Protein backbone atom coordinates (compact mmCIF):
# COMPACT_ATOMS: atom_id res chain seq x y z
CA MET A 1 19.20 -2.06 -5.43
CA ASN A 2 16.23 -1.59 -2.95
CA SER A 3 14.58 1.25 -5.13
CA THR A 4 15.00 -0.92 -8.34
CA LEU A 5 13.19 -3.82 -6.63
CA ILE A 6 10.50 -1.67 -5.30
CA THR A 7 10.09 -0.04 -8.73
CA GLU A 8 9.62 -3.32 -10.20
CA TRP A 9 7.14 -4.54 -7.63
CA PHE A 10 5.02 -1.18 -8.15
CA THR A 11 5.20 -1.55 -11.91
CA LYS A 12 3.62 -4.98 -11.39
CA TYR A 13 1.04 -4.22 -8.50
CA LYS A 14 0.36 -0.57 -8.48
CA SER A 15 -2.99 -0.66 -10.34
CA GLU A 16 -4.15 -3.43 -8.02
CA LEU A 17 -3.02 -1.40 -4.94
CA TYR A 18 -4.81 1.69 -6.39
CA ARG A 19 -8.14 -0.12 -7.07
CA TYR A 20 -8.14 -1.56 -3.56
CA ALA A 21 -7.50 1.84 -2.03
CA VAL A 22 -10.20 3.61 -4.19
CA ASN A 23 -12.62 0.79 -3.25
CA LYS A 24 -11.85 1.50 0.60
CA THR A 25 -11.69 5.16 0.45
CA GLY A 26 -14.17 6.15 -2.19
CA ASN A 27 -11.81 8.98 -3.39
CA HIS A 28 -9.28 8.75 -6.19
CA ASP A 29 -6.99 11.45 -4.97
CA ILE A 30 -6.79 10.05 -1.33
CA ALA A 31 -6.36 6.51 -2.89
CA GLU A 32 -3.36 7.81 -5.07
CA ASP A 33 -1.84 9.54 -1.93
CA ILE A 34 -2.18 6.43 0.06
CA VAL A 35 -0.54 4.20 -2.47
CA GLN A 36 2.29 6.76 -2.73
CA GLU A 37 2.67 6.41 0.99
CA VAL A 38 2.96 2.66 0.54
CA TYR A 39 5.73 3.16 -2.01
CA MET A 40 7.63 5.43 0.41
CA ALA A 41 7.27 3.04 3.24
CA ALA A 42 8.59 0.11 1.06
CA LEU A 43 11.52 2.17 0.14
CA GLU A 44 12.34 2.61 3.73
CA ASN A 45 12.58 -1.18 4.38
CA SER A 46 16.08 -2.38 4.59
CA LYS A 47 15.29 -6.13 4.43
CA LEU A 48 13.68 -6.50 1.13
CA HIS A 49 15.70 -9.44 0.34
CA GLU A 50 13.84 -11.46 3.06
CA ILE A 51 10.27 -10.72 1.46
CA LYS A 52 8.91 -13.80 -0.13
CA GLN A 53 5.57 -12.55 -1.37
CA ALA A 54 5.83 -8.97 -2.59
CA ARG A 55 2.10 -8.51 -3.39
CA ALA A 56 0.99 -9.65 0.11
CA TRP A 57 3.51 -7.60 1.75
CA LEU A 58 2.63 -4.34 -0.17
CA PHE A 59 -0.98 -5.09 0.48
CA GLY A 60 -0.21 -5.43 4.09
CA ILE A 61 1.43 -2.01 4.15
CA LEU A 62 -1.55 -0.62 2.16
CA LYS A 63 -4.22 -1.99 4.58
CA ASN A 64 -2.19 -0.28 7.47
CA LYS A 65 -2.16 3.04 5.66
CA ILE A 66 -5.84 2.85 4.94
CA TYR A 67 -6.47 2.02 8.62
CA ALA A 68 -4.24 4.99 9.74
CA TYR A 69 -6.01 7.31 7.22
CA TYR A 70 -9.48 6.46 8.84
CA GLN A 71 -8.00 6.82 12.31
CA LEU A 72 -6.98 10.26 11.52
CA GLN A 73 -10.50 10.87 10.20
CA GLY A 74 -12.07 9.59 13.43
CA ARG A 75 -13.72 6.77 11.36
CA THR A 76 -13.36 2.98 11.03
CA VAL A 77 -13.44 0.78 8.00
CA ALA A 78 -13.51 -2.96 7.55
CA ILE A 79 -10.38 -4.17 5.90
CA GLU A 80 -10.81 -7.78 5.00
CA ASN A 81 -7.98 -10.33 4.17
CA GLU A 82 -7.67 -11.25 0.50
C-alpha cells in the first residue's frame, strides 16, 4: 500500500519537485538524482497514513536532500519556505 500511495503522490508532484530541485542546484542530472532520493526516502516512511499534506511533506524531504547535497559539496544554499 505504501508504494502505491507514494507512486500516486509522485505522479502528481514529481514535475514540481524536479523544477524546484533544478532551480536550486542548477543541474538537471543532480536534480533528478535528488528527486529520486526523495522517492526512496518517502518509501521508507511507515506512517504515511498520518501525512495530511503530501505536497508539503515531499517538499520538506526535498529541501532536506538539497541541503544535504550542498553540505557534502561544502557549500550552502538558501532554501526558502513556499
